[in-house]
Amino acid sequence: MSRSSSKVYDVAIVGFGPVGQMLSLLLGRAGHDVVALERWPSPYDLPRAVHFDHEIGRIFQAAGVAEEVRAVTDPVPDHYEWRNAAGEPLVRIDWSGNGLSGWPTASFFCQPQLEAVLAKAAESQPTVTVRRGCEVTDLQPGDETVRLTTNGTDGAGEVRARYVIGADGANSFVRSGMATSVTDLGFFYDWLIVDTQPHEQAEWSPMNWQLCDPERPTTIVSGGPGRRRWEFLRLPHESIEELNTLEAAWRLLEPWGRTPENTTIERHTVYTFQARWVDRWREGRLILAGDAAHQMPPFAGQGMCSGMRDAINLAWKLDLVLDGRAAPDLLDTYTSERSEHVQHAIGMSMALGQVICVLDPDDAAARDARMIAAGADPRTALPPTPPPVLGDGVLQRGPDGTRAPNVGHLAPQYQVTHQGRTALLDDVIGGGFAILTDGVTPLDALDATDRAFLSGIGARLVALYEHDAPVDGYLDTTGGYLSHMREHGHAAAVVRPDFYLFGAATDGPGLRDLVGQLREQLQQPAATADRTPAPAPLTSVTGQ
């Protein structure tokens, strides 16, 4: 049986794991026709990724699944600790409370449960089609579309789409159809991953910690509600084959008091941790995301997190391009921004791994002495790493044409009160571009053309007040926004849909220049510059 259609989808996503699910969900919520093609007929039902940070929580919030995700995750109530063989703390990282994005600093989950939430939400979108058991066997990019040849449970077929995203993992088929090269840092370690379900209800304190013992570096973390994960470094005298057995898993768990009488092993497998990235993530109408574009060691828990950042960065840009509100060249900034950012995550993961994976007793003793002398303070005990900032792209420029200082950093999310409702900012304004201002005065500098442009890209104007906000204003409930802006001398800030700072201005004229820069950088086609504004986002200066 052959399955073909004359329909042209906006986007075909190859791979329906967490990154493909998030892309399907975000693009579907934006109203685009999406088809997700997954080679396996049913979801993989065993654990893999287990951690996400506050920024990824905010992405779940933007995708409309915040409460469903919270229901299947464990926020970390305490710290993440590294100990030496004697049990002395080497470093203690505070993971309690909420992070910059208004979500718990760190949360743990079981991937099949998280995928079920994302898949259900994506499949509920009327413009999203998910085809499981459908393998892509060939792709042919053209001037206007990409033709995909498929084969699966419903027979051979053909799918056409304006863009194709390869979210199909480390062995990406889509990547094989591109000419891009790969940078590999040659960082390889084999670890036995053992996912368990303890039979008893217990409080694990600390919830997550790392044993830095040269005899066997071991990771002990949550695997989500009701689950625990152990990770054991393969020693030089061991083969992968002898380590990757159920017998080896039970032998290594026994010193931790885990036996078949009190524990069920859900999965055991040996992973080879790697550090590599693809040098160009877009080639015409083919685009890569997630593990198809990069892999990293798990020591900072940023593998899936990085894929989710890919998804939201790419989704808002594709949304504008597909609707003709931005030029296709905007998609080139996806590589430049995300590649540099993910290299920070890879570098941090490698730096942590080089501390953890020490097998020489003398080297371990020297490491322990240094870190204990530093008081287990991560700011001094761990290797310095650069801040996570976007590479060059859709960011404010200075007078000399280079990127302005301090742009490309993650912007915070605080609670605001608007028309009697108090909630996190994104829930109140509905996401998208946000123009935050200290009161209404900076907005007076924007003319009708500026406002039409902002309305056309779905921007929200948010005039903030510290008290006595007018009916169409926003009360800065916790004082977080205005204190941050005033500390930096900013009267206005433009925050992108992926929550990164596009730029800031000290006054109204500066805000108008900032909006002009955004228009120019989106390369908005002239035919759409004067189009009738999209409904609703900007019927007043504060976004009502």
Protein backbone atom coordinates (compact mmCIF):
# COMPACT_ATOMS: atom_id res chain seq x y z
CA MET A 1 0.00 0.00 0.00
CA SER A 2 1.26 3.48 -0.83
CA ARG A 3 0.47 6.57 1.16
CA SER A 4 0.98 9.88 -0.63
CA SER A 5 -0.82 13.19 -0.73
CA SER A 6 -0.68 16.45 -2.61
CA LYS A 7 -0.76 18.29 0.72
CA VAL A 8 2.29 20.41 1.52
CA TYR A 9 2.93 20.73 5.25
CA ASP A 10 4.56 23.80 6.69
CA VAL A 11 7.00 21.63 8.63
CA ALA A 12 7.85 17.95 8.72
CA ILE A 13 9.60 16.87 11.93
CA VAL A 14 11.58 13.65 11.72
CA GLY A 15 11.69 12.12 15.20
CA PHE A 16 9.06 12.41 17.92
CA GLY A 17 11.07 12.35 21.11
CA PRO A 18 10.92 15.27 23.57
CA VAL A 19 12.49 17.78 21.15
CA GLY A 20 10.31 16.73 18.22
CA GLN A 21 7.27 16.79 20.51
CA MET A 22 8.09 20.28 21.76
CA LEU A 23 8.60 21.57 18.22
CA SER A 24 5.31 20.00 17.11
CA LEU A 25 3.53 21.54 20.06
CA LEU A 26 4.96 25.04 19.72
CA LEU A 27 4.46 25.20 15.95
CA GLY A 28 1.01 23.64 16.21
CA ARG A 29 -0.05 26.18 18.83
CA ALA A 30 1.08 28.87 16.40
CA GLY A 31 -1.30 27.45 13.80
CA HIS A 32 1.14 25.81 11.41
CA ASP A 33 0.51 22.52 9.61
CA VAL A 34 2.99 20.05 11.08
CA VAL A 35 3.59 16.37 10.45
CA ALA A 36 5.79 14.40 12.86
CA LEU A 37 7.32 11.20 11.47
CA GLU A 38 8.53 8.67 14.03
CA ARG A 39 10.13 5.41 12.90
CA TRP A 40 9.12 3.42 15.99
CA PRO A 41 5.47 2.32 16.18
CA SER A 42 5.08 2.94 19.91
CA PRO A 43 6.73 5.21 22.50
CA TYR A 44 9.90 3.96 24.17
CA ASP A 45 8.76 3.05 27.68
CA LEU A 46 12.05 3.13 29.62
CA PRO A 47 13.81 6.05 31.36
CA ARG A 48 16.55 8.13 29.71
CA ALA A 49 16.82 11.86 30.48
CA VAL A 50 15.90 12.73 34.08
CA HIS A 51 16.63 16.44 34.70
CA PHE A 52 15.52 19.87 33.58
CA ASP A 53 16.26 23.32 34.97
CA HIS A 54 14.14 26.42 35.60
CA GLU A 55 14.53 27.73 32.05
CA ILE A 56 13.10 24.52 30.60
CA GLY A 57 10.22 24.76 33.04
CA ARG A 58 9.46 28.14 31.49
CA ILE A 59 9.48 26.53 28.04
CA PHE A 60 6.92 23.96 29.26
CA GLN A 61 4.91 26.92 30.54
CA ALA A 62 5.09 28.57 27.10
CA ALA A 63 3.90 25.31 25.53
CA GLY A 64 0.80 25.25 27.73
CA VAL A 65 1.70 22.12 29.71
CA ALA A 66 2.99 23.63 32.95
CA GLU A 67 0.60 21.91 35.34
CA GLU A 68 0.77 18.56 33.57
CA VAL A 69 4.58 18.64 33.76
CA ARG A 70 4.58 19.65 37.41
CA ALA A 71 2.38 16.61 38.15
CA VAL A 72 5.05 14.17 36.91
CA THR A 73 8.20 15.84 38.28
CA ASP A 74 10.06 16.13 41.55
CA PRO A 75 11.50 19.59 42.25
CA VAL A 76 14.77 19.41 44.17
CA PRO A 77 14.28 20.53 47.79
CA ASP A 78 17.94 20.73 48.76
CA HIS A 79 21.42 20.78 47.28
CA TYR A 80 23.47 18.78 44.81
CA GLU A 81 26.55 17.51 46.61
CA TRP A 82 29.84 15.91 45.57
CA ARG A 83 31.65 13.80 48.16
CA ASN A 84 35.01 12.09 48.22
CA ALA A 85 35.60 8.46 49.24
CA ALA A 86 35.71 9.49 52.92
CA GLY A 87 32.29 11.13 52.65
CA GLU A 88 33.64 14.68 52.91
CA PRO A 89 31.80 17.29 50.83
CA LEU A 90 33.84 18.57 47.89
CA VAL A 91 31.21 20.91 46.49
CA ARG A 92 27.65 21.77 47.42
CA ILE A 93 25.39 23.44 44.85
CA ASP A 94 22.13 24.92 46.10
CA TRP A 95 19.29 23.59 43.94
CA SER A 96 16.48 24.50 46.32
CA GLY A 97 13.77 27.05 45.59
CA ASN A 98 12.97 28.77 42.32
CA GLY A 99 15.44 29.92 39.70
CA LEU A 100 15.59 32.98 37.48
CA SER A 101 12.70 31.80 35.32
CA GLY A 102 10.17 31.49 38.15
CA TRP A 103 10.38 27.66 38.14
CA PRO A 104 12.22 25.28 40.48
CA THR A 105 15.98 25.52 40.03
CA ALA A 106 16.12 21.80 39.20
CA SER A 107 13.45 19.15 38.63
CA PHE A 108 13.68 15.41 38.01
CA PHE A 109 11.34 13.25 35.95
CA CYS A 110 10.83 9.91 34.25
CA GLN A 111 11.11 10.47 30.49
CA PRO A 112 8.22 8.19 29.38
CA GLN A 113 5.88 10.15 31.68
CA LEU A 114 7.14 13.50 30.38
CA GLU A 115 6.88 12.32 26.77
CA ALA A 116 3.31 11.20 27.36
CA VAL A 117 2.42 14.73 28.49
CA LEU A 118 4.12 16.37 25.50
CA ALA A 119 2.81 13.87 22.96
CA LYS A 120 -0.78 14.21 24.17
CA ALA A 121 -0.57 18.01 24.00
CA ALA A 122 1.00 17.97 20.53
CA GLU A 123 -1.49 15.45 19.13
CA SER A 124 -4.38 17.52 20.49
CA GLN A 125 -3.41 20.40 18.20
CA PRO A 126 -5.74 20.41 15.18
CA THR A 127 -2.90 21.25 12.78
CA VAL A 128 -0.49 18.55 14.03
CA THR A 129 -0.38 15.06 12.50
CA VAL A 130 1.73 12.37 14.19
CA ARG A 131 2.61 9.24 12.22
CA ARG A 132 4.29 6.54 14.29
CA GLY A 133 5.88 3.53 12.64
CA CYS A 134 6.84 5.75 9.71
CA GLU A 135 10.52 5.75 8.74
CA VAL A 136 12.00 8.34 6.41
CA THR A 137 14.13 6.55 3.81
CA ASP A 138 14.97 9.39 1.44
CA LEU A 139 14.78 13.16 1.26
CA GLN A 140 15.02 15.45 -1.74
CA PRO A 141 15.21 19.21 -1.05
CA GLY A 142 13.77 21.46 -3.74
CA ASP A 143 13.44 25.20 -4.23
CA GLU A 144 10.06 25.43 -2.48
CA THR A 145 9.63 22.15 -0.60
CA VAL A 146 11.39 19.01 0.59
CA ARG A 147 10.10 15.63 -0.59
CA LEU A 148 10.39 12.82 1.95
CA THR A 149 10.04 9.17 1.01
CA THR A 150 8.63 7.10 3.87
CA ASN A 151 8.04 3.47 4.68
CA GLY A 152 6.25 1.98 7.62
CA THR A 153 3.24 0.21 9.02
CA ASP A 154 0.95 2.04 6.57
CA GLY A 155 3.17 1.23 3.59
CA ALA A 156 5.42 3.32 1.39
CA GLY A 157 4.56 6.94 0.85
CA GLU A 158 5.67 10.47 0.27
CA VAL A 159 5.46 13.61 2.39
CA ARG A 160 6.17 17.14 1.22
CA ALA A 161 6.93 20.07 3.50
CA ARG A 162 8.29 23.59 3.26
CA TYR A 163 10.87 22.82 5.95
CA VAL A 164 12.15 19.58 7.48
CA ILE A 165 13.55 19.42 11.00
CA GLY A 166 15.74 16.50 11.97
CA ALA A 167 15.02 15.81 15.64
CA ASP A 168 16.01 12.21 15.05
CA GLY A 169 18.84 11.73 17.51
CA ALA A 170 22.57 11.24 17.44
CA ASN A 171 22.42 9.00 14.34
CA SER A 172 20.22 11.49 12.50
CA PHE A 173 19.04 10.47 9.03
CA VAL A 174 18.28 14.10 8.19
CA ARG A 175 21.85 15.09 9.09
CA SER A 176 23.15 12.43 6.71
CA GLY A 177 21.46 14.34 3.89
CA MET A 178 23.38 17.53 4.71
CA ALA A 179 26.93 18.52 3.87
CA THR A 180 27.69 19.92 7.32
CA SER A 181 30.75 18.83 9.29
CA VAL A 182 31.00 17.82 12.96
CA THR A 183 33.34 19.11 15.67
CA ASP A 184 34.24 16.26 18.04
CA LEU A 185 36.25 17.03 21.18
CA GLY A 186 37.22 13.40 21.71
CA PHE A 187 35.80 13.21 25.23
CA PHE A 188 34.70 9.58 25.76
CA TYR A 189 33.68 7.83 28.96
CA ASP A 190 31.53 4.72 29.37
CA TRP A 191 29.03 4.62 32.22
CA LEU A 192 26.60 1.93 33.28
CA ILE A 193 23.19 3.56 33.85
CA VAL A 194 20.88 1.68 36.21
CA ASP A 195 17.31 2.96 36.61
CA THR A 196 15.43 1.56 39.59
CA GLN A 197 12.14 1.65 41.43
CA PRO A 198 12.74 1.22 45.17
CA HIS A 199 9.88 -0.68 46.78
CA GLU A 200 9.78 1.50 49.88
CA GLN A 201 8.85 5.16 50.19
CA ALA A 202 11.98 6.91 51.38
CA GLU A 203 13.35 10.42 51.64
CA TRP A 204 16.74 10.61 49.94
CA SER A 205 18.91 13.35 51.37
CA PRO A 206 20.52 14.90 49.55
CA MET A 207 18.23 13.97 46.71
CA ASN A 208 21.12 14.07 44.23
CA TRP A 209 24.80 13.57 44.82
CA GLN A 210 28.06 12.44 43.27
CA LEU A 211 30.58 10.03 44.83
CA CYS A 212 34.02 11.08 43.59
CA ASP A 213 35.79 7.89 44.60
CA PRO A 214 38.69 6.88 42.33
CA GLU A 215 37.83 3.24 42.94
CA ARG A 216 34.48 3.78 41.17
CA PRO A 217 33.03 7.27 40.49
CA THR A 218 29.28 6.95 41.00
CA THR A 219 26.28 9.20 40.47
CA ILE A 220 23.15 8.82 42.62
CA VAL A 221 20.16 10.93 41.57
CA SER A 222 16.40 10.98 41.38
CA GLY A 223 14.82 9.29 38.39
CA GLY A 224 11.58 11.17 38.89
CA PRO A 225 8.79 10.48 41.38
CA GLY A 226 9.29 7.05 42.98
CA ARG A 227 12.51 6.31 41.08
CA ARG A 228 16.28 6.38 41.65
CA ARG A 229 19.17 6.27 39.21
CA TRP A 230 22.71 5.01 39.77
CA GLU A 231 25.49 5.61 37.24
CA PHE A 232 28.80 3.72 37.49
CA LEU A 233 31.95 4.64 35.55
CA ARG A 234 33.47 1.76 33.57
CA LEU A 235 36.96 1.06 34.88
CA PRO A 236 39.89 0.48 32.49
CA HIS A 237 40.06 -3.29 33.12
CA GLU A 238 36.35 -3.80 32.40
CA SER A 239 34.78 -4.40 29.01
CA ILE A 240 31.47 -2.89 28.02
CA GLU A 241 30.07 -6.38 27.52
CA GLU A 242 30.85 -7.56 31.07
CA LEU A 243 29.60 -4.32 32.62
CA ASN A 244 26.35 -4.18 30.66
CA THR A 245 24.66 -7.14 32.37
CA LEU A 246 21.92 -7.49 34.95
CA GLU A 247 24.35 -9.37 37.19
CA ALA A 248 26.82 -6.47 37.10
CA ALA A 249 24.04 -4.01 37.88
CA TRP A 250 22.97 -5.94 40.97
CA ARG A 251 26.59 -6.42 42.07
CA LEU A 252 27.22 -2.65 41.92
CA LEU A 253 23.93 -1.80 43.64
CA GLU A 254 24.49 -4.19 46.55
CA PRO A 255 26.83 -1.87 48.55
CA TRP A 256 24.05 0.73 48.37
CA GLY A 257 21.61 -1.63 50.05
CA ARG A 258 19.67 -2.31 46.84
CA THR A 259 18.65 -5.93 46.25
CA PRO A 260 15.91 -7.72 44.28
CA GLU A 261 13.96 -7.89 47.54
CA ASN A 262 13.64 -4.11 47.88
CA THR A 263 14.23 -2.78 44.37
CA THR A 264 13.12 -3.31 40.77
CA ILE A 265 15.60 -2.56 38.01
CA GLU A 266 13.73 -0.92 35.14
CA ARG A 267 16.69 -0.58 32.81
CA HIS A 268 20.43 -1.03 32.69
CA THR A 269 22.60 0.05 29.78
CA VAL A 270 26.09 1.38 29.07
CA TYR A 271 26.25 4.85 27.54
CA THR A 272 29.32 6.37 25.95
CA PHE A 273 29.38 10.03 26.92
CA GLN A 274 30.55 12.27 24.08
CA ALA A 275 31.18 15.96 23.41
CA ARG A 276 30.45 17.04 19.85
CA TRP A 277 28.37 19.43 17.79
CA VAL A 278 27.39 19.92 14.17
CA ASP A 279 28.99 22.99 12.63
CA ARG A 280 25.97 24.13 10.58
CA TRP A 281 22.46 23.35 11.79
CA ARG A 282 20.59 24.66 8.74
CA GLU A 283 21.13 23.81 5.11
CA GLY A 284 18.41 25.42 3.00
CA ARG A 285 15.15 23.79 4.04
CA LEU A 286 16.80 21.15 6.25
CA ILE A 287 17.34 21.99 9.93
CA LEU A 288 18.69 20.00 12.89
CA ALA A 289 17.68 20.10 16.56
CA GLY A 290 18.53 18.26 19.78
CA ASP A 291 20.89 15.28 19.69
CA ALA A 292 20.95 15.47 15.90
CA ALA A 293 22.87 18.73 16.31
CA HIS A 294 24.89 18.12 19.49
CA GLN A 295 25.77 15.61 22.21
CA MET A 296 27.33 16.24 25.59
CA PRO A 297 28.25 14.42 28.80
CA PRO A 298 25.40 14.42 31.35
CA PHE A 299 27.36 15.85 34.28
CA ALA A 300 25.53 19.19 34.14
CA GLY A 301 22.20 17.64 33.16
CA GLN A 302 21.94 19.79 30.04
CA GLY A 303 21.42 17.29 27.21
CA MET A 304 17.64 17.40 26.86
CA CYS A 305 17.62 20.96 28.19
CA SER A 306 19.76 22.07 25.26
CA GLY A 307 17.37 20.37 22.84
CA MET A 308 14.43 22.22 24.38
CA ARG A 309 16.29 25.50 23.95
CA ASP A 310 16.82 24.57 20.31
CA ALA A 311 13.08 23.97 19.95
CA ILE A 312 11.87 27.31 21.26
CA ASN A 313 14.59 29.30 19.46
CA LEU A 314 13.74 27.64 16.16
CA ALA A 315 9.96 27.69 16.68
CA TRP A 316 9.56 31.45 17.04
CA LYS A 317 11.78 32.12 14.04
CA LEU A 318 10.01 29.55 11.85
CA ASP A 319 6.67 31.01 12.93
CA LEU A 320 7.64 34.43 11.55
CA VAL A 321 9.22 33.02 8.39
CA LEU A 322 6.33 30.70 7.55
CA ASP A 323 3.84 33.56 7.86
CA GLY A 324 5.97 35.90 5.74
CA ARG A 325 6.60 38.24 8.66
CA ALA A 326 10.37 37.70 8.46
CA ALA A 327 12.81 36.77 5.72
CA PRO A 328 14.05 33.14 5.52
CA ASP A 329 17.61 34.29 6.29
CA LEU A 330 16.42 34.78 9.87
CA LEU A 331 16.79 31.00 10.23
CA ASP A 332 20.58 31.29 9.84
CA THR A 333 20.69 32.96 13.27
CA TYR A 334 19.43 29.68 14.75
CA THR A 335 22.85 28.11 14.17
CA SER A 336 24.90 31.13 15.20
CA GLU A 337 22.96 31.68 18.43
CA ARG A 338 22.40 28.13 19.57
CA SER A 339 25.74 26.65 18.50
CA GLU A 340 27.74 29.03 20.68
CA HIS A 341 25.31 28.63 23.56
CA VAL A 342 25.43 24.83 23.43
CA GLN A 343 29.23 24.90 23.33
CA HIS A 344 29.10 26.59 26.75
CA ALA A 345 26.97 23.68 28.02
CA ILE A 346 29.33 21.12 26.49
CA GLY A 347 32.38 22.88 27.95
CA MET A 348 30.77 22.99 31.40
CA SER A 349 29.81 19.31 31.19
CA MET A 350 33.35 18.35 30.20
CA ALA A 351 34.87 20.45 32.98
CA LEU A 352 32.68 18.75 35.56
CA GLY A 353 33.43 15.34 34.08
CA GLN A 354 37.17 15.96 34.31
CA VAL A 355 36.73 16.56 38.03
CA ILE A 356 34.49 13.54 38.57
CA CYS A 357 36.21 10.93 36.37
CA VAL A 358 39.49 10.81 38.28
CA LEU A 359 40.79 7.26 38.77
CA ASP A 360 44.33 7.91 40.00
CA PRO A 361 44.36 7.94 43.85
CA ASP A 362 47.07 10.62 44.07
CA ASP A 363 45.29 12.87 41.61
CA ALA A 364 42.04 12.32 43.50
CA ALA A 365 43.71 13.23 46.82
CA ALA A 366 45.05 16.46 45.32
CA ARG A 367 41.62 17.27 43.90
CA ASP A 368 39.96 16.61 47.25
CA ALA A 369 42.40 18.81 49.14
CA ARG A 370 41.89 21.68 46.72
CA MET A 371 38.09 21.50 46.77
CA ILE A 372 37.86 21.07 50.56
CA ALA A 373 40.16 24.06 51.00
CA ALA A 374 37.72 26.02 48.84
CA GLY A 375 35.00 25.31 51.38
CA ALA A 376 32.93 23.22 48.94
CA ASP A 377 31.87 26.52 47.36
CA PRO A 378 31.10 25.90 43.66
CA ARG A 379 32.27 29.40 42.79
CA THR A 380 35.82 28.52 43.75
CA ALA A 381 35.91 24.72 43.97
CA LEU A 382 34.80 24.06 40.38
CA PRO A 383 36.61 25.07 37.20
CA PRO A 384 35.51 28.47 35.87
CA THR A 385 33.18 28.27 32.89
CA PRO A 386 31.87 31.05 30.62
CA PRO A 387 28.30 32.24 31.13
CA PRO A 388 25.53 30.71 29.00
CA VAL A 389 24.95 33.44 26.43
CA LEU A 390 23.65 33.32 22.88
CA GLY A 391 26.02 33.61 19.97
CA ASP A 392 25.66 36.42 17.48
CA GLY A 393 22.18 36.76 16.02
CA VAL A 394 18.98 38.69 16.67
CA LEU A 395 20.50 40.97 19.29
CA GLN A 396 20.87 44.70 19.86
CA ARG A 397 23.82 46.41 18.16
CA GLY A 398 25.94 49.19 19.53
CA PRO A 399 26.94 52.35 17.62
CA ASP A 400 29.90 50.51 16.08
CA GLY A 401 27.67 47.76 14.70
CA THR A 402 28.83 45.06 17.11
CA ARG A 403 26.49 43.41 19.58
CA ALA A 404 25.66 45.54 22.58
CA PRO A 405 26.98 44.47 25.99
CA ASN A 406 24.88 42.20 28.20
CA VAL A 407 22.45 41.12 25.47
CA GLY A 408 21.74 37.48 24.72
CA HIS A 409 21.38 36.52 28.37
CA LEU A 410 18.34 34.76 29.79
CA ALA A 411 15.82 37.29 31.11
CA PRO A 412 14.07 36.67 34.45
CA GLN A 413 10.39 35.94 34.98
CA TYR A 414 8.54 37.40 37.96
CA GLN A 415 4.94 37.69 39.01
CA VAL A 416 2.88 40.66 37.87
CA THR A 417 -0.66 41.78 38.68
CA HIS A 418 -2.89 42.88 35.83
CA GLN A 419 -6.60 43.63 36.02
CA GLY A 420 -6.93 41.77 39.30
CA ARG A 421 -4.97 38.69 38.25
CA THR A 422 -1.58 37.88 39.79
CA ALA A 423 0.57 35.32 37.97
CA LEU A 424 3.92 34.81 36.30
CA LEU A 425 4.40 37.29 33.45
CA ASP A 426 4.17 34.75 30.61
CA ASP A 427 0.83 33.45 31.88
CA VAL A 428 -0.54 36.99 31.96
CA ILE A 429 0.65 38.17 28.54
CA GLY A 430 0.58 34.83 26.73
CA GLY A 431 4.22 34.71 25.63
CA GLY A 432 5.82 36.14 22.50
CA PHE A 433 7.95 39.27 22.35
CA ALA A 434 7.62 41.39 25.48
CA ILE A 435 8.46 45.11 25.61
CA LEU A 436 8.95 45.87 29.31
CA THR A 437 8.98 49.53 30.33
CA ASP A 438 9.31 51.52 33.53
CA GLY A 439 5.89 53.13 33.41
CA VAL A 440 4.24 54.29 30.20
CA THR A 441 6.53 57.21 29.30
CA PRO A 442 9.06 55.28 27.15
CA LEU A 443 6.19 53.96 25.03
CA ASP A 444 5.18 57.48 24.02
CA ALA A 445 8.15 57.59 21.67
CA LEU A 446 6.75 54.79 19.49
CA ASP A 447 4.85 55.93 16.39
CA ALA A 448 2.11 54.16 14.46
CA THR A 449 4.60 52.30 12.24
CA ASP A 450 6.46 50.99 15.28
CA ARG A 451 3.23 49.83 16.87
CA ALA A 452 1.98 48.17 13.69
CA PHE A 453 5.26 46.29 13.38
CA LEU A 454 5.14 45.17 17.01
CA SER A 455 1.54 44.08 16.65
CA GLY A 456 2.42 42.17 13.50
CA ILE A 457 5.01 40.07 15.31
CA GLY A 458 2.70 39.47 18.25
CA ALA A 459 4.62 41.64 20.73
CA ARG A 460 3.11 42.71 24.06
CA LEU A 461 3.79 46.12 25.54
CA VAL A 462 4.05 45.81 29.31
CA ALA A 463 4.20 49.09 31.22
CA LEU A 464 5.30 48.22 34.77
CA TYR A 465 4.49 50.09 37.98
CA GLU A 466 5.66 49.58 41.54
CA HIS A 467 2.30 50.65 42.97
CA ASP A 468 -1.01 52.18 41.86
CA ALA A 469 -0.90 50.70 38.37
CA PRO A 470 -3.57 52.08 36.02
CA VAL A 471 -6.23 49.70 34.78
CA ASP A 472 -4.24 48.83 31.65
CA GLY A 473 -0.88 48.71 33.43
CA TYR A 474 1.03 45.93 35.15
CA LEU A 475 1.92 45.96 38.84
CA ASP A 476 5.44 44.61 39.43
CA THR A 477 4.14 42.44 42.27
CA THR A 478 7.48 41.32 43.71
CA GLY A 479 9.48 44.36 42.60
CA GLY A 480 11.79 42.07 40.64
CA TYR A 481 11.47 43.70 37.21
CA LEU A 482 11.74 47.35 38.11
CA SER A 483 14.56 46.91 40.61
CA HIS A 484 16.53 44.95 37.99
CA MET A 485 15.88 47.52 35.26
CA ARG A 486 16.67 50.51 37.45
CA GLU A 487 19.83 48.89 38.74
CA HIS A 488 21.08 48.79 35.15
CA GLY A 489 19.70 52.21 34.19
CA HIS A 490 17.14 50.77 31.77
CA ALA A 491 13.81 52.41 31.02
CA ALA A 492 12.82 49.64 28.61
CA ALA A 493 13.85 46.13 27.61
CA VAL A 494 12.88 43.91 24.69
CA VAL A 495 12.65 40.21 25.60
CA ARG A 496 12.41 37.64 22.83
CA PRO A 497 9.87 34.75 22.70
CA ASP A 498 12.62 32.38 23.89
CA PHE A 499 13.11 34.63 26.97
CA TYR A 500 16.52 36.02 25.97
CA LEU A 501 17.25 39.73 26.12
CA PHE A 502 17.23 41.32 22.67
CA GLY A 503 18.28 44.67 24.09
CA ALA A 504 17.58 47.54 26.46
CA ALA A 505 17.17 51.33 26.29
CA THR A 506 17.67 54.15 28.74
CA ASP A 507 14.79 56.32 27.43
CA GLY A 508 11.95 56.56 24.92
CA PRO A 509 14.05 57.50 21.88
CA GLY A 510 16.37 54.62 22.74
CA LEU A 511 13.38 52.27 22.78
CA ARG A 512 12.31 53.48 19.35
CA ASP A 513 15.82 52.80 18.03
CA LEU A 514 15.67 49.36 19.63
CA VAL A 515 12.37 48.56 17.88
CA GLY A 516 13.87 49.77 14.61
CA GLN A 517 16.82 47.45 15.07
CA LEU A 518 14.49 44.53 15.72
CA ARG A 519 12.53 45.30 12.54
CA GLU A 520 15.74 45.47 10.53
CA GLN A 521 17.19 42.26 11.99
CA LEU A 522 14.04 40.29 11.31
CA GLN A 523 14.48 41.47 7.71
CA GLN A 524 10.74 41.97 7.49
CA PRO A 525 9.64 41.83 3.86
CA ALA A 526 8.43 45.21 2.61
CA ALA A 527 5.10 43.73 1.52
CA THR A 528 4.21 42.91 5.13
CA ALA A 529 5.54 46.03 6.82
CA ASP A 530 2.27 47.91 6.25
CA ARG A 531 -0.07 44.97 6.61
CA THR A 532 -3.07 45.13 8.86
CA PRO A 533 -1.89 44.32 12.40
CA ALA A 534 -2.75 40.91 13.77
CA PRO A 535 -5.76 40.93 16.09
CA ALA A 536 -5.57 41.87 19.73
CA PRO A 537 -1.98 42.07 20.97
CA LEU A 538 -1.68 45.87 20.95
CA THR A 539 -4.93 47.74 21.19
CA SER A 540 -3.40 50.00 23.82
CA VAL A 541 0.07 51.00 24.88
CA THR A 542 0.18 48.32 27.55
CA GLY A 543 -0.77 45.37 25.44
CA GLN A 544 -4.53 45.09 26.01
